[in-house]
PDB file of N, CA and C in Angstrom:
ATOM      1  N   MET A   1      93.575 108.647  90.739  1.00  0.00           N
ATOM      2  CA  MET A   1      93.240 108.218  92.089  1.00  0.00           C
ATOM      3  C   MET A   1      91.721 108.170  92.238  1.00  0.00           C
ATOM      4  N   LYS A   2      91.268 107.122  92.863  1.00  0.00           N
ATOM      5  CA  LYS A   2      89.834 106.950  93.086  1.00  0.00           C
ATOM      6  C   LYS A   2      89.344 107.837  94.217  1.00  0.00           C
ATOM      7  N   THR A   3      88.070 108.174  94.141  1.00  0.00           N
ATOM      8  CA  THR A   3      87.421 108.841  95.272  1.00  0.00           C
ATOM      9  C   THR A   3      86.983 107.754  96.249  1.00  0.00           C
ATOM     10  N   VAL A   4      86.623 108.163  97.444  1.00  0.00           N
ATOM     11  CA  VAL A   4      86.130 107.209  98.437  1.00  0.00           C
ATOM     12  C   VAL A   4      84.892 106.496  97.888  1.00  0.00           C
ATOM     13  N   GLU A   5      83.996 107.248  97.283  1.00  0.00           N
ATOM     14  CA  GLU A   5      82.781 106.650  96.734  1.00  0.00           C
ATOM     15  C   GLU A   5      83.108 105.606  95.667  1.00  0.00           C
ATOM     16  N   GLU A   6      84.035 105.930  94.765  1.00  0.00           N
ATOM     17  CA  GLU A   6      84.441 104.977  93.727  1.00  0.00           C
ATOM     18  C   GLU A   6      85.067 103.729  94.343  1.00  0.00           C
ATOM     19  N   TYR A   7      85.864 103.919  95.378  1.00  0.00           N
ATOM     20  CA  TYR A   7      86.515 102.778  96.039  1.00  0.00           C
ATOM     21  C   TYR A   7      85.481 101.875  96.715  1.00  0.00           C
ATOM     22  N   LEU A   8      84.488 102.472  97.364  1.00  0.00           N
ATOM     23  CA  LEU A   8      83.435 101.680  98.007  1.00  0.00           C
ATOM     24  C   LEU A   8      82.630 100.908  96.959  1.00  0.00           C
ATOM     25  N   LEU A   9      82.372 101.524  95.813  1.00  0.00           N
ATOM     26  CA  LEU A   9      81.681 100.824  94.722  1.00  0.00           C
ATOM     27  C   LEU A   9      82.538  99.688  94.173  1.00  0.00           C
ATOM     28  N   PHE A  10      83.848  99.923  94.073  1.00  0.00           N
ATOM     29  CA  PHE A  10      84.784  98.886  93.632  1.00  0.00           C
ATOM     30  C   PHE A  10      84.733  97.696  94.593  1.00  0.00           C
ATOM     31  N   LEU A  11      84.800  97.967  95.897  1.00  0.00           N
ATOM     32  CA  LEU A  11      84.742  96.879  96.880  1.00  0.00           C
ATOM     33  C   LEU A  11      83.406  96.150  96.819  1.00  0.00           C
ATOM     34  N   ASP A  12      82.334  96.896  96.633  1.00  0.00           N
ATOM     35  CA  ASP A  12      81.006  96.295  96.516  1.00  0.00           C
ATOM     36  C   ASP A  12      80.966  95.339  95.320  1.00  0.00           C
ATOM     37  N   GLY A  13      81.601  95.743  94.241  1.00  0.00           N
ATOM     38  CA  GLY A  13      81.682  94.895  93.056  1.00  0.00           C
ATOM     39  C   GLY A  13      82.471  93.622  93.293  1.00  0.00           C
ATOM     40  N   LYS A  14      83.371  93.666  94.251  1.00  0.00           N
ATOM     41  CA  LYS A  14      84.170  92.492  94.619  1.00  0.00           C
ATOM     42  C   LYS A  14      83.465  91.647  95.678  1.00  0.00           C
ATOM     43  N   GLY A  15      82.259  92.079  96.079  1.00  0.00           N
ATOM     44  CA  GLY A  15      81.494  91.307  97.044  1.00  0.00           C
ATOM     45  C   GLY A  15      81.615  91.772  98.482  1.00  0.00           C
ATOM     46  N   PHE A  16      82.307  92.882  98.700  1.00  0.00           N
ATOM     47  CA  PHE A  16      82.443  93.401 100.063  1.00  0.00           C
ATOM     48  C   PHE A  16      81.624  94.676 100.177  1.00  0.00           C
ATOM     49  N   SER A  17      80.428  94.546 100.717  1.00  0.00           N
ATOM     50  CA  SER A  17      79.574  95.728 100.831  1.00  0.00           C
ATOM     51  C   SER A  17      79.566  96.253 102.262  1.00  0.00           C
ATOM     52  N   PHE A  18      79.400  97.530 102.366  1.00  0.00           N
ATOM     53  CA  PHE A  18      79.387  98.214 103.656  1.00  0.00           C
ATOM     54  C   PHE A  18      77.957  98.589 104.009  1.00  0.00           C
ATOM     55  N   GLY A  19      77.598  98.432 105.267  1.00  0.00           N
ATOM     56  CA  GLY A  19      76.289  98.879 105.732  1.00  0.00           C
ATOM     57  C   GLY A  19      76.284 100.389 105.907  1.00  0.00           C
ATOM     58  N   ASP A  20      75.102 100.919 106.145  1.00  0.00           N
ATOM     59  CA  ASP A  20      74.967 102.366 106.328  1.00  0.00           C
ATOM     60  C   ASP A  20      75.801 102.869 107.496  1.00  0.00           C
ATOM     61  N   ASP A  21      75.892 102.069 108.566  1.00  0.00           N
ATOM     62  CA  ASP A  21      76.674 102.488 109.736  1.00  0.00           C
ATOM     63  C   ASP A  21      78.152 102.602 109.376  1.00  0.00           C
ATOM     64  N   ALA A  22      78.680 101.648 108.608  1.00  0.00           N
ATOM     65  CA  ALA A  22      80.090 101.686 108.204  1.00  0.00           C
ATOM     66  C   ALA A  22      80.352 102.881 107.291  1.00  0.00           C
ATOM     67  N   ILE A  23      79.455 103.113 106.357  1.00  0.00           N
ATOM     68  CA  ILE A  23      79.621 104.252 105.449  1.00  0.00           C
ATOM     69  C   ILE A  23      79.571 105.554 106.245  1.00  0.00           C
ATOM     70  N   GLY A  24      78.705 105.602 107.236  1.00  0.00           N
ATOM     71  CA  GLY A  24      78.648 106.777 108.114  1.00  0.00           C
ATOM     72  C   GLY A  24      79.962 107.002 108.832  1.00  0.00           C
ATOM     73  N   PHE A  25      80.569 105.924 109.346  1.00  0.00           N
ATOM     74  CA  PHE A  25      81.874 106.028 110.018  1.00  0.00           C
ATOM     75  C   PHE A  25      82.936 106.530 109.048  1.00  0.00           C
ATOM     76  N   ILE A  26      82.907 106.028 107.829  1.00  0.00           N
ATOM     77  CA  ILE A  26      83.914 106.418 106.839  1.00  0.00           C
ATOM     78  C   ILE A  26      83.842 107.922 106.565  1.00  0.00           C
ATOM     79  N   TYR A  27      82.642 108.422 106.325  1.00  0.00           N
ATOM     80  CA  TYR A  27      82.513 109.850 106.026  1.00  0.00           C
ATOM     81  C   TYR A  27      82.687 110.718 107.268  1.00  0.00           C
ATOM     82  N   PHE A  28      82.311 110.198 108.438  1.00  0.00           N
ATOM     83  CA  PHE A  28      82.578 110.912 109.684  1.00  0.00           C
ATOM     84  C   PHE A  28      84.092 111.044 109.885  1.00  0.00           C
ATOM     85  N   GLY A  29      84.810 109.935 109.740  1.00  0.00           N
ATOM     86  CA  GLY A  29      86.266 109.950 109.914  1.00  0.00           C
ATOM     87  C   GLY A  29      86.950 110.877 108.938  1.00  0.00           C
ATOM     88  N   LYS A  30      86.479 110.866 107.692  1.00  0.00           N
ATOM     89  CA  LYS A  30      87.056 111.752 106.659  1.00  0.00           C
ATOM     90  C   LYS A  30      86.885 113.211 107.066  1.00  0.00           C
ATOM     91  N   ALA A  31      85.680 113.566 107.505  1.00  0.00           N
ATOM     92  CA  ALA A  31      85.410 114.956 107.892  1.00  0.00           C
ATOM     93  C   ALA A  31      86.126 115.319 109.196  1.00  0.00           C
ATOM     94  N   TYR A  32      86.089 114.417 110.168  1.00  0.00           N
ATOM     95  CA  TYR A  32      86.678 114.660 111.489  1.00  0.00           C
ATOM     96  C   TYR A  32      88.180 114.911 111.410  1.00  0.00           C
ATOM     97  N   THR A  33      88.859 114.159 110.531  1.00  0.00           N
ATOM     98  CA  THR A  33      90.315 114.294 110.420  1.00  0.00           C
ATOM     99  C   THR A  33      90.732 115.147 109.228  1.00  0.00           C
ATOM    100  N   ASN A  34      89.752 115.588 108.434  1.00  0.00           N
ATOM    101  CA  ASN A  34      90.043 116.361 107.227  1.00  0.00           C
ATOM    102  C   ASN A  34      90.997 115.600 106.308  1.00  0.00           C
ATOM    103  N   ALA A  35      90.798 114.288 106.215  1.00  0.00           N
ATOM    104  CA  ALA A  35      91.682 113.421 105.442  1.00  0.00           C
ATOM    105  C   ALA A  35      91.347 113.469 103.958  1.00  0.00           C
ATOM    106  N   THR A  36      92.357 113.247 103.151  1.00  0.00           N
ATOM    107  CA  THR A  36      92.166 113.156 101.707  1.00  0.00           C
ATOM    108  C   THR A  36      91.532 111.806 101.372  1.00  0.00           C
ATOM    109  N   ASP A  37      91.001 111.698 100.167  1.00  0.00           N
ATOM    110  CA  ASP A  37      90.453 110.413  99.728  1.00  0.00           C
ATOM    111  C   ASP A  37      91.526 109.325  99.773  1.00  0.00           C
ATOM    112  N   GLU A  38      92.752 109.667  99.379  1.00  0.00           N
ATOM    113  CA  GLU A  38      93.842 108.683  99.390  1.00  0.00           C
ATOM    114  C   GLU A  38      94.058 108.115 100.794  1.00  0.00           C
ATOM    115  N   LEU A  39      94.060 108.979 101.805  1.00  0.00           N
ATOM    116  CA  LEU A  39      94.264 108.490 103.171  1.00  0.00           C
ATOM    117  C   LEU A  39      93.066 107.703 103.682  1.00  0.00           C
ATOM    118  N   VAL A  40      91.872 108.118 103.317  1.00  0.00           N
ATOM    119  CA  VAL A  40      90.676 107.386 103.732  1.00  0.00           C
ATOM    120  C   VAL A  40      90.692 105.988 103.119  1.00  0.00           C
ATOM    121  N   ILE A  41      90.996 105.892 101.842  1.00  0.00           N
ATOM    122  CA  ILE A  41      91.073 104.597 101.174  1.00  0.00           C
ATOM    123  C   ILE A  41      92.160 103.734 101.799  1.00  0.00           C
ATOM    124  N   THR A  42      93.301 104.321 102.106  1.00  0.00           N
ATOM    125  CA  THR A  42      94.393 103.586 102.754  1.00  0.00           C
ATOM    126  C   THR A  42      93.952 103.079 104.123  1.00  0.00           C
ATOM    127  N   ALA A  43      93.236 103.897 104.872  1.00  0.00           N
ATOM    128  CA  ALA A  43      92.744 103.478 106.196  1.00  0.00           C
ATOM    129  C   ALA A  43      91.714 102.354 106.062  1.00  0.00           C
ATOM    130  N   ILE A  44      90.875 102.411 105.041  1.00  0.00           N
ATOM    131  CA  ILE A  44      89.915 101.322 104.808  1.00  0.00           C
ATOM    132  C   ILE A  44      90.677 100.031 104.502  1.00  0.00           C
ATOM    133  N   GLU A  45      91.654 100.114 103.603  1.00  0.00           N
ATOM    134  CA  GLU A  45      92.454  98.932 103.240  1.00  0.00           C
ATOM    135  C   GLU A  45      93.139  98.339 104.462  1.00  0.00           C
ATOM    136  N   CYS A  46      93.776  99.184 105.254  1.00  0.00           N
ATOM    137  CA  CYS A  46      94.482  98.713 106.449  1.00  0.00           C
ATOM    138  C   CYS A  46      93.513  98.086 107.449  1.00  0.00           C
ATOM    139  N   THR A  47      92.376  98.722 107.634  1.00  0.00           N
ATOM    140  CA  THR A  47      91.369  98.200 108.565  1.00  0.00           C
ATOM    141  C   THR A  47      90.934  96.802 108.138  1.00  0.00           C
ATOM    142  N   LEU A  48      90.645  96.637 106.864  1.00  0.00           N
ATOM    143  CA  LEU A  48      90.186  95.334 106.373  1.00  0.00           C
ATOM    144  C   LEU A  48      91.281  94.273 106.474  1.00  0.00           C
ATOM    145  N   LYS A  49      92.520  94.663 106.186  1.00  0.00           N
ATOM    146  CA  LYS A  49      93.629  93.696 106.254  1.00  0.00           C
ATOM    147  C   LYS A  49      93.934  93.294 107.691  1.00  0.00           C
ATOM    148  N   ILE A  50      93.891  94.249 108.594  1.00  0.00           N
ATOM    149  CA  ILE A  50      94.270  93.989 109.989  1.00  0.00           C
ATOM    150  C   ILE A  50      93.133  93.350 110.774  1.00  0.00           C
ATOM    151  N   GLN A  51      91.928  93.874 110.621  1.00  0.00           N
ATOM    152  CA  GLN A  51      90.783  93.420 111.411  1.00  0.00           C
ATOM    153  C   GLN A  51      89.994  92.300 110.730  1.00  0.00           C
ATOM    154  N   LYS A  52      90.236  92.097 109.447  1.00  0.00           N
ATOM    155  CA  LYS A  52      89.521  91.092 108.644  1.00  0.00           C
ATOM    156  C   LYS A  52      88.045  91.428 108.453  1.00  0.00           C
ATOM    157  N   LYS A  53      87.659  92.626 108.855  1.00  0.00           N
ATOM    158  CA  LYS A  53      86.300  93.144 108.668  1.00  0.00           C
ATOM    159  C   LYS A  53      86.395  94.650 108.870  1.00  0.00           C
ATOM    160  N   PHE A  54      85.316  95.372 108.607  1.00  0.00           N
ATOM    161  CA  PHE A  54      85.359  96.817 108.836  1.00  0.00           C
ATOM    162  C   PHE A  54      84.995  97.111 110.282  1.00  0.00           C
ATOM    163  N   ASP A  55      85.885  97.805 110.964  1.00  0.00           N
ATOM    164  CA  ASP A  55      85.689  98.222 112.355  1.00  0.00           C
ATOM    165  C   ASP A  55      85.793  99.747 112.364  1.00  0.00           C
ATOM    166  N   GLY A  56      84.653 100.414 112.552  1.00  0.00           N
ATOM    167  CA  GLY A  56      84.604 101.870 112.445  1.00  0.00           C
ATOM    168  C   GLY A  56      85.524 102.601 113.396  1.00  0.00           C
ATOM    169  N   SER A  57      85.581 102.166 114.654  1.00  0.00           N
ATOM    170  CA  SER A  57      86.428 102.877 115.616  1.00  0.00           C
ATOM    171  C   SER A  57      87.910 102.659 115.297  1.00  0.00           C
ATOM    172  N   PHE A  58      88.267 101.465 114.827  1.00  0.00           N
ATOM    173  CA  PHE A  58      89.651 101.199 114.427  1.00  0.00           C
ATOM    174  C   PHE A  58      90.026 102.077 113.237  1.00  0.00           C
ATOM    175  N   PHE A  59      89.107 102.167 112.278  1.00  0.00           N
ATOM    176  CA  PHE A  59      89.305 102.995 111.089  1.00  0.00           C
ATOM    177  C   PHE A  59      89.571 104.460 111.463  1.00  0.00           C
ATOM    178  N   VAL A  60      88.734 105.011 112.341  1.00  0.00           N
ATOM    179  CA  VAL A  60      88.908 106.409 112.760  1.00  0.00           C
ATOM    180  C   VAL A  60      90.232 106.566 113.508  1.00  0.00           C
ATOM    181  N   SER A  61      90.599 105.590 114.324  1.00  0.00           N
ATOM    182  CA  SER A  61      91.881 105.641 115.038  1.00  0.00           C
ATOM    183  C   SER A  61      93.055 105.680 114.060  1.00  0.00           C
ATOM    184  N   LEU A  62      92.954 104.911 112.985  1.00  0.00           N
ATOM    185  CA  LEU A  62      94.009 104.946 111.965  1.00  0.00           C
ATOM    186  C   LEU A  62      94.112 106.326 111.336  1.00  0.00           C
ATOM    187  N   LEU A  63      92.967 106.905 110.991  1.00  0.00           N
ATOM    188  CA  LEU A  63      92.994 108.253 110.400  1.00  0.00           C
ATOM    189  C   LEU A  63      93.623 109.255 111.364  1.00  0.00           C
ATOM    190  N   GLU A  64      93.309 109.140 112.653  1.00  0.00           N
ATOM    191  CA  GLU A  64      93.918 110.034 113.653  1.00  0.00           C
ATOM    192  C   GLU A  64      95.423 109.809 113.736  1.00  0.00           C
ATOM    193  N   LEU A  65      95.844 108.545 113.664  1.00  0.00           N
ATOM    194  CA  LEU A  65      97.272 108.220 113.682  1.00  0.00           C
ATOM    195  C   LEU A  65      97.972 108.844 112.474  1.00  0.00           C
ATOM    196  N   PHE A  66      97.363 108.722 111.304  1.00  0.00           N
ATOM    197  CA  PHE A  66      97.939 109.311 110.095  1.00  0.00           C
ATOM    198  C   PHE A  66      98.051 110.826 110.260  1.00  0.00           C
ATOM    199  N   ASN A  67      97.008 111.438 110.783  1.00  0.00           N
ATOM    200  CA  ASN A  67      96.973 112.886 110.998  1.00  0.00           C
ATOM    201  C   ASN A  67      98.039 113.323 111.998  1.00  0.00           C
ATOM    202  N   ASP A  68      98.085 112.634 113.135  1.00  0.00           N
ATOM    203  CA  ASP A  68      99.028 112.992 114.199  1.00  0.00           C
ATOM    204  C   ASP A  68     100.477 112.926 113.733  1.00  0.00           C
ATOM    205  N   ASN A  69     100.738 112.045 112.772  1.00  0.00           N
ATOM    206  CA  ASN A  69     102.101 111.872 112.267  1.00  0.00           C
ATOM    207  C   ASN A  69     102.320 112.548 110.922  1.00  0.00           C
ATOM    208  N   GLN A  70     101.361 113.393 110.546  1.00  0.00           N
ATOM    209  CA  GLN A  70     101.436 114.207 109.330  1.00  0.00           C
ATOM    210  C   GLN A  70     101.735 113.380 108.081  1.00  0.00           C
ATOM    211  N   LEU A  71     101.105 112.208 108.003  1.00  0.00           N
ATOM    212  CA  LEU A  71     101.265 111.345 106.838  1.00  0.00           C
ATOM    213  C   LEU A  71     100.274 111.802 105.771  1.00  0.00           C
ATOM    214  N   LYS A  72     100.736 111.942 104.552  1.00  0.00           N
ATOM    215  CA  LYS A  72      99.901 112.516 103.492  1.00  0.00           C
ATOM    216  C   LYS A  72      99.597 111.551 102.352  1.00  0.00           C
ATOM    217  N   THR A  73     100.389 110.477 102.201  1.00  0.00           N
ATOM    218  CA  THR A  73     100.192 109.561 101.082  1.00  0.00           C
ATOM    219  C   THR A  73     100.183 108.112 101.572  1.00  0.00           C
ATOM    220  N   LYS A  74      99.670 107.227 100.723  1.00  0.00           N
ATOM    221  CA  LYS A  74      99.670 105.801 101.048  1.00  0.00           C
ATOM    222  C   LYS A  74     101.106 105.307 101.256  1.00  0.00           C
ATOM    223  N   LYS A  75     102.013 105.781 100.431  1.00  0.00           N
ATOM    224  CA  LYS A  75     103.416 105.372 100.541  1.00  0.00           C
ATOM    225  C   LYS A  75     103.979 105.762 101.916  1.00  0.00           C
ATOM    226  N   GLU A  76     103.677 106.974 102.367  1.00  0.00           N
ATOM    227  CA  GLU A  76     104.148 107.421 103.689  1.00  0.00           C
ATOM    228  C   GLU A  76     103.528 106.577 104.799  1.00  0.00           C
ATOM    229  N   VAL A  77     102.248 106.248 104.663  1.00  0.00           N
ATOM    230  CA  VAL A  77     101.560 105.430 105.673  1.00  0.00           C
ATOM    231  C   VAL A  77     102.208 104.060 105.765  1.00  0.00           C
ATOM    232  N   MET A  78     102.398 103.401 104.626  1.00  0.00           N
ATOM    233  CA  MET A  78     102.965 102.050 104.632  1.00  0.00           C
ATOM    234  C   MET A  78     104.384 102.051 105.184  1.00  0.00           C
ATOM    235  N   SER A  79     105.155 103.052 104.849  1.00  0.00           N
ATOM    236  CA  SER A  79     106.515 103.173 105.375  1.00  0.00           C
ATOM    237  C   SER A  79     106.481 103.369 106.895  1.00  0.00           C
ATOM    238  N   PHE A  80     105.581 104.216 107.365  1.00  0.00           N
ATOM    239  CA  PHE A  80     105.438 104.485 108.799  1.00  0.00           C
ATOM    240  C   PHE A  80     105.042 103.211 109.545  1.00  0.00           C
ATOM    241  N   ILE A  81     104.075 102.480 109.017  1.00  0.00           N
ATOM    242  CA  ILE A  81     103.617 101.239 109.654  1.00  0.00           C
ATOM    243  C   ILE A  81     104.756 100.222 109.711  1.00  0.00           C
ATOM    244  N   LYS A  82     105.484 100.105 108.630  1.00  0.00           N
ATOM    245  CA  LYS A  82     106.598  99.140 108.565  1.00  0.00           C
ATOM    246  C   LYS A  82     107.735  99.558 109.501  1.00  0.00           C
ATOM    247  N   THR A  83     108.126 100.800 109.447  1.00  0.00           N
ATOM    248  CA  THR A  83     109.220 101.316 110.273  1.00  0.00           C
ATOM    249  C   THR A  83     108.930 101.140 111.767  1.00  0.00           C
ATOM    250  N   ASN A  84     107.687 101.400 112.148  1.00  0.00           N
ATOM    251  CA  ASN A  84     107.300 101.323 113.570  1.00  0.00           C
ATOM    252  C   ASN A  84     106.733  99.961 113.959  1.00  0.00           C
ATOM    253  N   GLN A  85     106.728  99.032 113.008  1.00  0.00           N
ATOM    254  CA  GLN A  85     106.237  97.666 113.236  1.00  0.00           C
ATOM    255  C   GLN A  85     104.893  97.660 113.959  1.00  0.00           C
ATOM    256  N   LEU A  86     103.969  98.466 113.445  1.00  0.00           N
ATOM    257  CA  LEU A  86     102.673  98.596 114.096  1.00  0.00           C
ATOM    258  C   LEU A  86     101.762  97.405 113.853  1.00  0.00           C
ATOM    259  N   PHE A  87     101.721  96.952 112.589  1.00  0.00           N
ATOM    260  CA  PHE A  87     100.820  95.858 112.233  1.00  0.00           C
ATOM    261  C   PHE A  87     101.498  94.999 111.176  1.00  0.00           C
ATOM    262  N   PRO A  88     101.170  93.738 111.148  1.00  0.00           N
ATOM    263  CA  PRO A  88     101.682  92.910 110.025  1.00  0.00           C
ATOM    264  C   PRO A  88     100.803  93.125 108.801  1.00  0.00           C
ATOM    265  N   LEU A  89     101.347  93.730 107.763  1.00  0.00           N
ATOM    266  CA  LEU A  89     100.575  93.951 106.529  1.00  0.00           C
ATOM    267  C   LEU A  89     101.175  93.159 105.396  1.00  0.00           C
TER     268      LEU A  89
END
């Protein structure tokens, strides 16, 4: 499993770079929700797929949603989103 830093470098290599403000939101959200790297990466992926860009407040809201519903893995998150028809992914 990649770390958040490795994932951000991977995205940068694909041409999607994050500004300092976005990176700040990512690490703030990780610390604020005590999320694992897997959940942070999943929230980044979902944010980009749903919003078509990085939206820091949306990202943090996703992490809070994952936390509130005690979701621990990407598989649990995707199942939860699909079951509750939250977003088209």
